[in-house]
Amino acid sequence: MITSEQIKANLEARLCAEELINLGESECIAGKLNRIRFWQIIADCAAEAINKHVVDNVTEMNEVQALAFEKTEMPYGKYQGQSIKQIVHLDKEYLPWIAENEFASNLKRYLRSKQYKQRLG
């Protein structure tokens, strides 16, 4: 259940975002900004911000899921082929670094881009 504090925080965030958008729109109307480029940058910034916070919004694994996941082998990187459990003991900073690494999500976004499709021919 959403609390009144969460509703208030969501409303404040929305008002702040709308204020920034209105400011950008007024600059576009005044001819100071290119409208299409402005919205492209807003979309890119929003996508980057969302990607940075995806890990924070992921639900925690229960014990059974975590034990099963620890048996998973790392599919790439310097610990390729080693289990998650082994990696935890070998390098405590590696898995958090991988989780925060934006390359994989950016690569998926790139593979969907017009630029990528154009390069394929």
PDB file of N, CA and C in Angstrom:
ATOM      1  N   MET A   1       0.837  -1.181   0.000  1.00  0.00           N
ATOM      2  CA  MET A   1       0.000   0.000   0.000  1.00  0.00           C
ATOM      3  C   MET A   1       0.884   1.247   0.000  1.00  0.00           C
ATOM      4  N   ILE A   2       0.514   2.191  -0.811  1.00  0.00           N
ATOM      5  CA  ILE A   2       1.279   3.429  -0.936  1.00  0.00           C
ATOM      6  C   ILE A   2       0.893   4.368   0.209  1.00  0.00           C
ATOM      7  N   THR A   3       1.919   4.905   0.847  1.00  0.00           N
ATOM      8  CA  THR A   3       1.668   5.821   1.960  1.00  0.00           C
ATOM      9  C   THR A   3       1.469   7.242   1.445  1.00  0.00           C
ATOM     10  N   SER A   4       0.924   8.093   2.291  1.00  0.00           N
ATOM     11  CA  SER A   4       0.725   9.494   1.902  1.00  0.00           C
ATOM     12  C   SER A   4       2.075  10.183   1.657  1.00  0.00           C
ATOM     13  N   GLU A   5       3.122   9.755   2.376  1.00  0.00           N
ATOM     14  CA  GLU A   5       4.458  10.325   2.155  1.00  0.00           C
ATOM     15  C   GLU A   5       4.967   9.972   0.757  1.00  0.00           C
ATOM     16  N   GLN A   6       4.719   8.722   0.309  1.00  0.00           N
ATOM     17  CA  GLN A   6       5.147   8.314  -1.027  1.00  0.00           C
ATOM     18  C   GLN A   6       4.377   9.084  -2.105  1.00  0.00           C
ATOM     19  N   ILE A   7       3.098   9.267  -1.882  1.00  0.00           N
ATOM     20  CA  ILE A   7       2.283  10.031  -2.832  1.00  0.00           C
ATOM     21  C   ILE A   7       2.802  11.460  -2.927  1.00  0.00           C
ATOM     22  N   LYS A   8       3.101  12.052  -1.783  1.00  0.00           N
ATOM     23  CA  LYS A   8       3.612  13.425  -1.758  1.00  0.00           C
ATOM     24  C   LYS A   8       4.962  13.511  -2.478  1.00  0.00           C
ATOM     25  N   ALA A   9       5.851  12.546  -2.220  1.00  0.00           N
ATOM     26  CA  ALA A   9       7.159  12.533  -2.872  1.00  0.00           C
ATOM     27  C   ALA A   9       7.014  12.358  -4.385  1.00  0.00           C
ATOM     28  N   ASN A  10       6.104  11.476  -4.825  1.00  0.00           N
ATOM     29  CA  ASN A  10       5.869  11.283  -6.259  1.00  0.00           C
ATOM     30  C   ASN A  10       5.331  12.552  -6.907  1.00  0.00           C
ATOM     31  N   LEU A  11       4.415  13.222  -6.228  1.00  0.00           N
ATOM     32  CA  LEU A  11       3.842  14.456  -6.746  1.00  0.00           C
ATOM     33  C   LEU A  11       4.909  15.541  -6.854  1.00  0.00           C
ATOM     34  N   GLU A  12       5.746  15.662  -5.832  1.00  0.00           N
ATOM     35  CA  GLU A  12       6.821  16.659  -5.863  1.00  0.00           C
ATOM     36  C   GLU A  12       7.807  16.372  -6.994  1.00  0.00           C
ATOM     37  N   ALA A  13       8.141  15.095  -7.200  1.00  0.00           N
ATOM     38  CA  ALA A  13       9.058  14.723  -8.283  1.00  0.00           C
ATOM     39  C   ALA A  13       8.438  15.062  -9.640  1.00  0.00           C
ATOM     40  N   ARG A  14       7.145  14.767  -9.782  1.00  0.00           N
ATOM     41  CA  ARG A  14       6.471  15.072 -11.048  1.00  0.00           C
ATOM     42  C   ARG A  14       6.443  16.574 -11.305  1.00  0.00           C
ATOM     43  N   LEU A  15       6.121  17.361 -10.291  1.00  0.00           N
ATOM     44  CA  LEU A  15       6.074  18.813 -10.459  1.00  0.00           C
ATOM     45  C   LEU A  15       7.447  19.363 -10.835  1.00  0.00           C
ATOM     46  N   CYS A  16       8.481  18.839 -10.219  1.00  0.00           N
ATOM     47  CA  CYS A  16       9.847  19.269 -10.532  1.00  0.00           C
ATOM     48  C   CYS A  16      10.188  18.934 -11.987  1.00  0.00           C
ATOM     49  N   ALA A  17       9.860  17.704 -12.411  1.00  0.00           N
ATOM     50  CA  ALA A  17      10.126  17.293 -13.796  1.00  0.00           C
ATOM     51  C   ALA A  17       9.350  18.162 -14.775  1.00  0.00           C
ATOM     52  N   GLU A  18       8.088  18.417 -14.475  1.00  0.00           N
ATOM     53  CA  GLU A  18       7.269  19.253 -15.356  1.00  0.00           C
ATOM     54  C   GLU A  18       7.821  20.673 -15.450  1.00  0.00           C
ATOM     55  N   GLU A  19       8.329  21.189 -14.344  1.00  0.00           N
ATOM     56  CA  GLU A  19       8.915  22.529 -14.349  1.00  0.00           C
ATOM     57  C   GLU A  19      10.137  22.582 -15.256  1.00  0.00           C
ATOM     58  N   LEU A  20      10.983  21.559 -15.177  1.00  0.00           N
ATOM     59  CA  LEU A  20      12.164  21.511 -16.046  1.00  0.00           C
ATOM     60  C   LEU A  20      11.769  21.385 -17.512  1.00  0.00           C
ATOM     61  N   ILE A  21      10.787  20.548 -17.786  1.00  0.00           N
ATOM     62  CA  ILE A  21      10.319  20.375 -19.165  1.00  0.00           C
ATOM     63  C   ILE A  21       9.725  21.678 -19.693  1.00  0.00           C
ATOM     64  N   ASN A  22       8.926  22.353 -18.878  1.00  0.00           N
ATOM     65  CA  ASN A  22       8.342  23.630 -19.303  1.00  0.00           C
ATOM     66  C   ASN A  22       9.419  24.672 -19.582  1.00  0.00           C
ATOM     67  N   LEU A  23      10.474  24.672 -18.779  1.00  0.00           N
ATOM     68  CA  LEU A  23      11.579  25.593 -19.012  1.00  0.00           C
ATOM     69  C   LEU A  23      12.240  25.290 -20.358  1.00  0.00           C
ATOM     70  N   GLY A  24      12.503  24.018 -20.612  1.00  0.00           N
ATOM     71  CA  GLY A  24      13.092  23.632 -21.895  1.00  0.00           C
ATOM     72  C   GLY A  24      12.192  23.973 -23.065  1.00  0.00           C
ATOM     73  N   GLU A  25      10.908  23.721 -22.910  1.00  0.00           N
ATOM     74  CA  GLU A  25       9.936  24.049 -23.963  1.00  0.00           C
ATOM     75  C   GLU A  25       9.923  25.551 -24.249  1.00  0.00           C
ATOM     76  N   SER A  26       9.960  26.363 -23.188  1.00  0.00           N
ATOM     77  CA  SER A  26       9.940  27.816 -23.405  1.00  0.00           C
ATOM     78  C   SER A  26      11.214  28.276 -24.114  1.00  0.00           C
ATOM     79  N   GLU A  27      12.334  27.623 -23.842  1.00  0.00           N
ATOM     80  CA  GLU A  27      13.591  27.961 -24.530  1.00  0.00           C
ATOM     81  C   GLU A  27      13.510  27.541 -26.000  1.00  0.00           C
ATOM     82  N   CYS A  28      12.852  26.415 -26.273  1.00  0.00           N
ATOM     83  CA  CYS A  28      12.661  25.972 -27.662  1.00  0.00           C
ATOM     84  C   CYS A  28      11.780  26.971 -28.417  1.00  0.00           C
ATOM     85  N   ILE A  29      10.695  27.383 -27.789  1.00  0.00           N
ATOM     86  CA  ILE A  29       9.763  28.333 -28.416  1.00  0.00           C
ATOM     87  C   ILE A  29      10.473  29.661 -28.685  1.00  0.00           C
ATOM     88  N   ALA A  30      11.347  30.056 -27.768  1.00  0.00           N
ATOM     89  CA  ALA A  30      12.084  31.309 -27.931  1.00  0.00           C
ATOM     90  C   ALA A  30      13.192  31.186 -28.976  1.00  0.00           C
ATOM     91  N   GLY A  31      13.397  29.965 -29.503  1.00  0.00           N
ATOM     92  CA  GLY A  31      14.404  29.774 -30.535  1.00  0.00           C
ATOM     93  C   GLY A  31      15.805  29.551 -30.010  1.00  0.00           C
ATOM     94  N   LYS A  32      15.958  29.416 -28.702  1.00  0.00           N
ATOM     95  CA  LYS A  32      17.281  29.231 -28.112  1.00  0.00           C
ATOM     96  C   LYS A  32      17.742  27.771 -28.170  1.00  0.00           C
ATOM     97  N   LEU A  33      16.790  26.844 -28.311  1.00  0.00           N
ATOM     98  CA  LEU A  33      17.113  25.420 -28.366  1.00  0.00           C
ATOM     99  C   LEU A  33      16.426  24.766 -29.551  1.00  0.00           C
ATOM    100  N   ASN A  34      17.067  23.752 -30.117  1.00  0.00           N
ATOM    101  CA  ASN A  34      16.454  22.942 -31.156  1.00  0.00           C
ATOM    102  C   ASN A  34      15.496  21.972 -30.479  1.00  0.00           C
ATOM    103  N   ARG A  35      14.217  22.057 -30.792  1.00  0.00           N
ATOM    104  CA  ARG A  35      13.176  21.279 -30.106  1.00  0.00           C
ATOM    105  C   ARG A  35      13.408  19.764 -30.221  1.00  0.00           C
ATOM    106  N   ILE A  36      13.713  19.260 -31.408  1.00  0.00           N
ATOM    107  CA  ILE A  36      13.916  17.820 -31.585  1.00  0.00           C
ATOM    108  C   ILE A  36      15.121  17.364 -30.782  1.00  0.00           C
ATOM    109  N   ARG A  37      16.214  18.115 -30.865  1.00  0.00           N
ATOM    110  CA  ARG A  37      17.421  17.735 -30.122  1.00  0.00           C
ATOM    111  C   ARG A  37      17.161  17.786 -28.620  1.00  0.00           C
ATOM    112  N   PHE A  38      16.412  18.778 -28.169  1.00  0.00           N
ATOM    113  CA  PHE A  38      16.069  18.884 -26.749  1.00  0.00           C
ATOM    114  C   PHE A  38      15.389  17.608 -26.270  1.00  0.00           C
ATOM    115  N   TRP A  39      14.376  17.128 -27.018  1.00  0.00           N
ATOM    116  CA  TRP A  39      13.642  15.929 -26.592  1.00  0.00           C
ATOM    117  C   TRP A  39      14.482  14.668 -26.715  1.00  0.00           C
ATOM    118  N   GLN A  40      15.391  14.625 -27.693  1.00  0.00           N
ATOM    119  CA  GLN A  40      16.308  13.481 -27.788  1.00  0.00           C
ATOM    120  C   GLN A  40      17.194  13.404 -26.551  1.00  0.00           C
ATOM    121  N   ILE A  41      17.698  14.540 -26.128  1.00  0.00           N
ATOM    122  CA  ILE A  41      18.566  14.579 -24.941  1.00  0.00           C
ATOM    123  C   ILE A  41      17.776  14.226 -23.689  1.00  0.00           C
ATOM    124  N   ILE A  42      16.563  14.738 -23.566  1.00  0.00           N
ATOM    125  CA  ILE A  42      15.718  14.385 -22.415  1.00  0.00           C
ATOM    126  C   ILE A  42      15.497  12.874 -22.377  1.00  0.00           C
ATOM    127  N   ALA A  43      15.184  12.278 -23.531  1.00  0.00           N
ATOM    128  CA  ALA A  43      14.952  10.824 -23.596  1.00  0.00           C
ATOM    129  C   ALA A  43      16.221  10.059 -23.223  1.00  0.00           C
ATOM    130  N   ASP A  44      17.375  10.492 -23.745  1.00  0.00           N
ATOM    131  CA  ASP A  44      18.636   9.819 -23.421  1.00  0.00           C
ATOM    132  C   ASP A  44      18.952   9.915 -21.930  1.00  0.00           C
ATOM    133  N   CYS A  45      18.774  11.099 -21.368  1.00  0.00           N
ATOM    134  CA  CYS A  45      19.046  11.288 -19.935  1.00  0.00           C
ATOM    135  C   CYS A  45      18.114  10.431 -19.080  1.00  0.00           C
ATOM    136  N   ALA A  46      16.837  10.372 -19.466  1.00  0.00           N
ATOM    137  CA  ALA A  46      15.881   9.550 -18.724  1.00  0.00           C
ATOM    138  C   ALA A  46      16.259   8.077 -18.805  1.00  0.00           C
ATOM    139  N   ALA A  47      16.637   7.613 -19.990  1.00  0.00           N
ATOM    140  CA  ALA A  47      17.029   6.208 -20.152  1.00  0.00           C
ATOM    141  C   ALA A  47      18.263   5.879 -19.312  1.00  0.00           C
ATOM    142  N   GLU A  48      19.241   6.776 -19.309  1.00  0.00           N
ATOM    143  CA  GLU A  48      20.441   6.558 -18.503  1.00  0.00           C
ATOM    144  C   GLU A  48      20.107   6.524 -17.017  1.00  0.00           C
ATOM    145  N   ALA A  49      19.263   7.438 -16.577  1.00  0.00           N
ATOM    146  CA  ALA A  49      18.882   7.484 -15.160  1.00  0.00           C
ATOM    147  C   ALA A  49      18.138   6.215 -14.764  1.00  0.00           C
ATOM    148  N   ILE A  50      17.253   5.757 -15.619  1.00  0.00           N
ATOM    149  CA  ILE A  50      16.510   4.528 -15.328  1.00  0.00           C
ATOM    150  C   ILE A  50      17.465   3.349 -15.256  1.00  0.00           C
ATOM    151  N   ASN A  51      18.393   3.249 -16.207  1.00  0.00           N
ATOM    152  CA  ASN A  51      19.352   2.142 -16.202  1.00  0.00           C
ATOM    153  C   ASN A  51      20.213   2.132 -14.955  1.00  0.00           C
ATOM    154  N   LYS A  52      20.576   3.296 -14.461  1.00  0.00           N
ATOM    155  CA  LYS A  52      21.412   3.380 -13.266  1.00  0.00           C
ATOM    156  C   LYS A  52      20.689   2.878 -12.026  1.00  0.00           C
ATOM    157  N   HIS A  53      19.362   2.951 -12.028  1.00  0.00           N
ATOM    158  CA  HIS A  53      18.597   2.597 -10.840  1.00  0.00           C
ATOM    159  C   HIS A  53      17.878   1.266 -10.953  1.00  0.00           C
ATOM    160  N   VAL A  54      18.084   0.548 -12.052  1.00  0.00           N
ATOM    161  CA  VAL A  54      17.400  -0.731 -12.224  1.00  0.00           C
ATOM    162  C   VAL A  54      17.761  -1.704 -11.112  1.00  0.00           C
ATOM    163  N   VAL A  55      19.047  -1.789 -10.768  1.00  0.00           N
ATOM    164  CA  VAL A  55      19.476  -2.722  -9.728  1.00  0.00           C
ATOM    165  C   VAL A  55      18.795  -2.409  -8.400  1.00  0.00           C
ATOM    166  N   ASP A  56      18.598  -1.134  -8.112  1.00  0.00           N
ATOM    167  CA  ASP A  56      17.960  -0.742  -6.860  1.00  0.00           C
ATOM    168  C   ASP A  56      16.509  -1.199  -6.774  1.00  0.00           C
ATOM    169  N   ASN A  57      15.859  -1.391  -7.913  1.00  0.00           N
ATOM    170  CA  ASN A  57      14.452  -1.768  -7.938  1.00  0.00           C
ATOM    171  C   ASN A  57      14.225  -3.277  -8.058  1.00  0.00           C
ATOM    172  N   VAL A  58      15.282  -4.049  -8.082  1.00  0.00           N
ATOM    173  CA  VAL A  58      15.168  -5.496  -8.227  1.00  0.00           C
ATOM    174  C   VAL A  58      14.830  -6.113  -6.871  1.00  0.00           C
ATOM    175  N   THR A  59      13.924  -7.076  -6.889  1.00  0.00           N
ATOM    176  CA  THR A  59      13.565  -7.730  -5.636  1.00  0.00           C
ATOM    177  C   THR A  59      14.659  -8.709  -5.208  1.00  0.00           C
ATOM    178  N   GLU A  60      14.810  -8.845  -3.932  1.00  0.00           N
ATOM    179  CA  GLU A  60      15.822  -9.728  -3.350  1.00  0.00           C
ATOM    180  C   GLU A  60      15.445 -11.187  -3.594  1.00  0.00           C
ATOM    181  N   MET A  61      16.445 -12.015  -3.873  1.00  0.00           N
ATOM    182  CA  MET A  61      16.215 -13.453  -4.017  1.00  0.00           C
ATOM    183  C   MET A  61      15.963 -14.062  -2.651  1.00  0.00           C
ATOM    184  N   ASN A  62      15.114 -15.083  -2.610  1.00  0.00           N
ATOM    185  CA  ASN A  62      14.966 -15.821  -1.356  1.00  0.00           C
ATOM    186  C   ASN A  62      16.144 -16.789  -1.233  1.00  0.00           C
ATOM    187  N   GLU A  63      16.259 -17.484  -0.119  1.00  0.00           N
ATOM    188  CA  GLU A  63      17.414 -18.339   0.141  1.00  0.00           C
ATOM    189  C   GLU A  63      17.561 -19.451  -0.894  1.00  0.00           C
ATOM    190  N   VAL A  64      16.460 -20.070  -1.281  1.00  0.00           N
ATOM    191  CA  VAL A  64      16.508 -21.154  -2.270  1.00  0.00           C
ATOM    192  C   VAL A  64      17.004 -20.625  -3.615  1.00  0.00           C
ATOM    193  N   GLN A  65      16.484 -19.476  -4.036  1.00  0.00           N
ATOM    194  CA  GLN A  65      16.917 -18.878  -5.294  1.00  0.00           C
ATOM    195  C   GLN A  65      18.396 -18.491  -5.254  1.00  0.00           C
ATOM    196  N   ALA A  66      18.821 -17.917  -4.128  1.00  0.00           N
ATOM    197  CA  ALA A  66      20.216 -17.487  -3.991  1.00  0.00           C
ATOM    198  C   ALA A  66      21.169 -18.678  -4.028  1.00  0.00           C
ATOM    199  N   LEU A  67      20.809 -19.744  -3.339  1.00  0.00           N
ATOM    200  CA  LEU A  67      21.661 -20.940  -3.349  1.00  0.00           C
ATOM    201  C   LEU A  67      21.764 -21.526  -4.753  1.00  0.00           C
ATOM    202  N   ALA A  68      20.673 -21.529  -5.474  1.00  0.00           N
ATOM    203  CA  ALA A  68      20.694 -22.032  -6.852  1.00  0.00           C
ATOM    204  C   ALA A  68      21.522 -21.114  -7.749  1.00  0.00           C
ATOM    205  N   PHE A  69      21.357 -19.801  -7.574  1.00  0.00           N
ATOM    206  CA  PHE A  69      22.085 -18.844  -8.404  1.00  0.00           C
ATOM    207  C   PHE A  69      23.591 -18.919  -8.166  1.00  0.00           C
ATOM    208  N   GLU A  70      23.994 -19.210  -6.943  1.00  0.00           N
ATOM    209  CA  GLU A  70      25.428 -19.315  -6.637  1.00  0.00           C
ATOM    210  C   GLU A  70      26.118 -20.401  -7.456  1.00  0.00           C
ATOM    211  N   LYS A  71      25.358 -21.344  -7.969  1.00  0.00           N
ATOM    212  CA  LYS A  71      25.930 -22.424  -8.798  1.00  0.00           C
ATOM    213  C   LYS A  71      26.093 -21.999 -10.255  1.00  0.00           C
ATOM    214  N   THR A  72      25.502 -20.873 -10.604  1.00  0.00           N
ATOM    215  CA  THR A  72      25.584 -20.370 -11.979  1.00  0.00           C
ATOM    216  C   THR A  72      27.010 -19.989 -12.306  1.00  0.00           C
ATOM    217  N   GLU A  73      27.441 -20.364 -13.521  1.00  0.00           N
ATOM    218  CA  GLU A  73      28.783 -19.992 -13.963  1.00  0.00           C
ATOM    219  C   GLU A  73      28.744 -18.631 -14.643  1.00  0.00           C
ATOM    220  N   MET A  74      29.751 -17.821 -14.368  1.00  0.00           N
ATOM    221  CA  MET A  74      29.868 -16.518 -15.005  1.00  0.00           C
ATOM    222  C   MET A  74      30.072 -16.745 -16.504  1.00  0.00           C
ATOM    223  N   PRO A  75      29.222 -16.155 -17.346  1.00  0.00           N
ATOM    224  CA  PRO A  75      29.303 -16.434 -18.775  1.00  0.00           C
ATOM    225  C   PRO A  75      30.391 -15.663 -19.528  1.00  0.00           C
ATOM    226  N   TYR A  76      30.997 -14.674 -18.915  1.00  0.00           N
ATOM    227  CA  TYR A  76      32.005 -13.865 -19.590  1.00  0.00           C
ATOM    228  C   TYR A  76      32.914 -13.214 -18.550  1.00  0.00           C
ATOM    229  N   GLY A  77      33.936 -12.526 -19.045  1.00  0.00           N
ATOM    230  CA  GLY A  77      34.810 -11.759 -18.165  1.00  0.00           C
ATOM    231  C   GLY A  77      35.962 -12.562 -17.604  1.00  0.00           C
ATOM    232  N   LYS A  78      36.668 -11.945 -16.681  1.00  0.00           N
ATOM    233  CA  LYS A  78      37.880 -12.575 -16.157  1.00  0.00           C
ATOM    234  C   LYS A  78      37.589 -13.808 -15.318  1.00  0.00           C
ATOM    235  N   TYR A  79      36.360 -13.972 -14.849  1.00  0.00           N
ATOM    236  CA  TYR A  79      35.985 -15.156 -14.070  1.00  0.00           C
ATOM    237  C   TYR A  79      35.055 -16.084 -14.851  1.00  0.00           C
ATOM    238  N   GLN A  80      35.112 -16.000 -16.170  1.00  0.00           N
ATOM    239  CA  GLN A  80      34.268 -16.835 -17.021  1.00  0.00           C
ATOM    240  C   GLN A  80      34.448 -18.313 -16.659  1.00  0.00           C
ATOM    241  N   GLY A  81      33.303 -18.999 -16.485  1.00  0.00           N
ATOM    242  CA  GLY A  81      33.330 -20.428 -16.173  1.00  0.00           C
ATOM    243  C   GLY A  81      33.357 -20.739 -14.686  1.00  0.00           C
ATOM    244  N   GLN A  82      33.592 -19.749 -13.844  1.00  0.00           N
ATOM    245  CA  GLN A  82      33.604 -19.986 -12.401  1.00  0.00           C
ATOM    246  C   GLN A  82      32.227 -19.664 -11.819  1.00  0.00           C
ATOM    247  N   SER A  83      31.892 -20.368 -10.749  1.00  0.00           N
ATOM    248  CA  SER A  83      30.578 -20.160 -10.145  1.00  0.00           C
ATOM    249  C   SER A  83      30.522 -18.809  -9.428  1.00  0.00           C
ATOM    250  N   ILE A  84      29.322 -18.313  -9.292  1.00  0.00           N
ATOM    251  CA  ILE A  84      29.113 -17.061  -8.562  1.00  0.00           C
ATOM    252  C   ILE A  84      29.664 -17.194  -7.141  1.00  0.00           C
ATOM    253  N   LYS A  85      29.436 -18.346  -6.523  1.00  0.00           N
ATOM    254  CA  LYS A  85      29.930 -18.581  -5.162  1.00  0.00           C
ATOM    255  C   LYS A  85      31.449 -18.480  -5.106  1.00  0.00           C
ATOM    256  N   GLN A  86      32.121 -19.046  -6.100  1.00  0.00           N
ATOM    257  CA  GLN A  86      33.591 -18.961  -6.139  1.00  0.00           C
ATOM    258  C   GLN A  86      34.051 -17.514  -6.297  1.00  0.00           C
ATOM    259  N   ILE A  87      33.363 -16.790  -7.149  1.00  0.00           N
ATOM    260  CA  ILE A  87      33.751 -15.400  -7.411  1.00  0.00           C
ATOM    261  C   ILE A  87      33.610 -14.551  -6.149  1.00  0.00           C
ATOM    262  N   VAL A  88      32.560 -14.801  -5.359  1.00  0.00           N
ATOM    263  CA  VAL A  88      32.367 -14.055  -4.109  1.00  0.00           C
ATOM    264  C   VAL A  88      33.592 -14.203  -3.215  1.00  0.00           C
ATOM    265  N   HIS A  89      34.141 -15.412  -3.166  1.00  0.00           N
ATOM    266  CA  HIS A  89      35.307 -15.660  -2.312  1.00  0.00           C
ATOM    267  C   HIS A  89      36.606 -15.133  -2.923  1.00  0.00           C
ATOM    268  N   LEU A  90      36.679 -15.102  -4.258  1.00  0.00           N
ATOM    269  CA  LEU A  90      37.904 -14.664  -4.924  1.00  0.00           C
ATOM    270  C   LEU A  90      38.047 -13.141  -4.989  1.00  0.00           C
ATOM    271  N   ASP A  91      36.935 -12.467  -5.229  1.00  0.00           N
ATOM    272  CA  ASP A  91      36.999 -11.032  -5.495  1.00  0.00           C
ATOM    273  C   ASP A  91      35.678 -10.388  -5.066  1.00  0.00           C
ATOM    274  N   LYS A  92      35.642  -9.882  -3.864  1.00  0.00           N
ATOM    275  CA  LYS A  92      34.403  -9.355  -3.289  1.00  0.00           C
ATOM    276  C   LYS A  92      33.857  -8.120  -4.005  1.00  0.00           C
ATOM    277  N   GLU A  93      34.686  -7.441  -4.770  1.00  0.00           N
ATOM    278  CA  GLU A  93      34.248  -6.233  -5.458  1.00  0.00           C
ATOM    279  C   GLU A  93      33.766  -6.485  -6.881  1.00  0.00           C
ATOM    280  N   TYR A  94      34.033  -7.670  -7.425  1.00  0.00           N
ATOM    281  CA  TYR A  94      33.738  -7.930  -8.837  1.00  0.00           C
ATOM    282  C   TYR A  94      32.239  -7.973  -9.148  1.00  0.00           C
ATOM    283  N   LEU A  95      31.470  -8.731  -8.394  1.00  0.00           N
ATOM    284  CA  LEU A  95      30.039  -8.867  -8.695  1.00  0.00           C
ATOM    285  C   LEU A  95      29.275  -7.545  -8.549  1.00  0.00           C
ATOM    286  N   PRO A  96      29.520  -6.769  -7.490  1.00  0.00           N
ATOM    287  CA  PRO A  96      28.863  -5.448  -7.438  1.00  0.00           C
ATOM    288  C   PRO A  96      29.258  -4.559  -8.625  1.00  0.00           C
ATOM    289  N   TRP A  97      30.507  -4.676  -9.059  1.00  0.00           N
ATOM    290  CA  TRP A  97      30.957  -3.891 -10.205  1.00  0.00           C
ATOM    291  C   TRP A  97      30.203  -4.320 -11.462  1.00  0.00           C
ATOM    292  N   ILE A  98      30.071  -5.625 -11.660  1.00  0.00           N
ATOM    293  CA  ILE A  98      29.328  -6.140 -12.820  1.00  0.00           C
ATOM    294  C   ILE A  98      27.875  -5.667 -12.756  1.00  0.00           C
ATOM    295  N   ALA A  99      27.279  -5.713 -11.572  1.00  0.00           N
ATOM    296  CA  ALA A  99      25.872  -5.320 -11.418  1.00  0.00           C
ATOM    297  C   ALA A  99      25.668  -3.846 -11.744  1.00  0.00           C
ATOM    298  N   GLU A 100      26.665  -3.019 -11.470  1.00  0.00           N
ATOM    299  CA  GLU A 100      26.556  -1.588 -11.733  1.00  0.00           C
ATOM    300  C   GLU A 100      27.019  -1.215 -13.132  1.00  0.00           C
ATOM    301  N   ASN A 101      27.664  -2.140 -13.809  1.00  0.00           N
ATOM    302  CA  ASN A 101      28.183  -1.878 -15.139  1.00  0.00           C
ATOM    303  C   ASN A 101      27.033  -1.672 -16.112  1.00  0.00           C
ATOM    304  N   GLU A 102      27.024  -0.550 -16.780  1.00  0.00           N
ATOM    305  CA  GLU A 102      25.943  -0.212 -17.690  1.00  0.00           C
ATOM    306  C   GLU A 102      26.180  -0.745 -19.097  1.00  0.00           C
ATOM    307  N   PHE A 103      27.338  -1.348 -19.354  1.00  0.00           N
ATOM    308  CA  PHE A 103      27.663  -1.753 -20.717  1.00  0.00           C
ATOM    309  C   PHE A 103      26.629  -2.709 -21.290  1.00  0.00           C
ATOM    310  N   ALA A 104      26.238  -3.727 -20.537  1.00  0.00           N
ATOM    311  CA  ALA A 104      25.297  -4.721 -21.055  1.00  0.00           C
ATOM    312  C   ALA A 104      23.958  -4.091 -21.413  1.00  0.00           C
ATOM    313  N   SER A 105      23.426  -3.239 -20.541  1.00  0.00           N
ATOM    314  CA  SER A 105      22.136  -2.619 -20.856  1.00  0.00           C
ATOM    315  C   SER A 105      22.280  -1.629 -22.011  1.00  0.00           C
ATOM    316  N   ASN A 106      23.402  -0.926 -22.070  1.00  0.00           N
ATOM    317  CA  ASN A 106      23.616  -0.015 -23.185  1.00  0.00           C
ATOM    318  C   ASN A 106      23.781  -0.777 -24.495  1.00  0.00           C
ATOM    319  N   LEU A 107      24.439  -1.934 -24.437  1.00  0.00           N
ATOM    320  CA  LEU A 107      24.599  -2.755 -25.636  1.00  0.00           C
ATOM    321  C   LEU A 107      23.237  -3.221 -26.144  1.00  0.00           C
ATOM    322  N   LYS A 108      22.368  -3.655 -25.256  1.00  0.00           N
ATOM    323  CA  LYS A 108      21.020  -4.076 -25.665  1.00  0.00           C
ATOM    324  C   LYS A 108      20.273  -2.915 -26.310  1.00  0.00           C
ATOM    325  N   ARG A 109      20.397  -1.739 -25.744  1.00  0.00           N
ATOM    326  CA  ARG A 109      19.745  -0.565 -26.324  1.00  0.00           C
ATOM    327  C   ARG A 109      20.332  -0.246 -27.697  1.00  0.00           C
ATOM    328  N   TYR A 110      21.657  -0.367 -27.832  1.00  0.00           N
ATOM    329  CA  TYR A 110      22.316  -0.098 -29.112  1.00  0.00           C
ATOM    330  C   TYR A 110      21.843  -1.075 -30.183  1.00  0.00           C
ATOM    331  N   LEU A 111      21.712  -2.343 -29.819  1.00  0.00           N
ATOM    332  CA  LEU A 111      21.283  -3.352 -30.786  1.00  0.00           C
ATOM    333  C   LEU A 111      19.871  -3.086 -31.304  1.00  0.00           C
ATOM    334  N   ARG A 112      19.102  -2.311 -30.582  1.00  0.00           N
ATOM    335  CA  ARG A 112      17.756  -1.937 -31.026  1.00  0.00           C
ATOM    336  C   ARG A 112      17.745  -0.615 -31.803  1.00  0.00           C
ATOM    337  N   SER A 113      18.873   0.071 -31.841  1.00  0.00           N
ATOM    338  CA  SER A 113      18.919   1.409 -32.428  1.00  0.00           C
ATOM    339  C   SER A 113      18.911   1.385 -33.950  1.00  0.00           C
ATOM    340  N   LYS A 114      18.468   2.492 -34.523  1.00  0.00           N
ATOM    341  CA  LYS A 114      18.501   2.663 -35.974  1.00  0.00           C
ATOM    342  C   LYS A 114      19.948   2.657 -36.469  1.00  0.00           C
ATOM    343  N   GLN A 115      20.832   3.257 -35.688  1.00  0.00           N
ATOM    344  CA  GLN A 115      22.253   3.329 -36.060  1.00  0.00           C
ATOM    345  C   GLN A 115      22.823   1.934 -36.289  1.00  0.00           C
ATOM    346  N   TYR A 116      22.564   1.015 -35.357  1.00  0.00           N
ATOM    347  CA  TYR A 116      23.053  -0.355 -35.485  1.00  0.00           C
ATOM    348  C   TYR A 116      22.476  -1.015 -36.737  1.00  0.00           C
ATOM    349  N   LYS A 117      21.171  -0.856 -36.933  1.00  0.00           N
ATOM    350  CA  LYS A 117      20.497  -1.484 -38.075  1.00  0.00           C
ATOM    351  C   LYS A 117      21.028  -0.926 -39.395  1.00  0.00           C
ATOM    352  N   GLN A 118      21.343   0.377 -39.400  1.00  0.00           N
ATOM    353  CA  GLN A 118      21.919   0.976 -40.613  1.00  0.00           C
ATOM    354  C   GLN A 118      23.293   0.397 -40.904  1.00  0.00           C
ATOM    355  N   ARG A 119      24.082   0.164 -39.863  1.00  0.00           N
ATOM    356  CA  ARG A 119      25.429  -0.369 -40.056  1.00  0.00           C
ATOM    357  C   ARG A 119      25.406  -1.803 -40.581  1.00  0.00           C
ATOM    358  N   LEU A 120      24.345  -2.526 -40.256  1.00  0.00           N
ATOM    359  CA  LEU A 120      24.220  -3.901 -40.757  1.00  0.00           C
ATOM    360  C   LEU A 120      23.979  -3.927 -42.268  1.00  0.00           C
ATOM    361  N   GLY A 121      23.453  -2.829 -42.765  1.00  0.00           N
ATOM    362  CA  GLY A 121      23.240  -2.717 -44.210  1.00  0.00           C
ATOM    363  C   GLY A 121      21.884  -3.017 -44.677  1.00  0.00           C
TER     364      GLY A 121
END
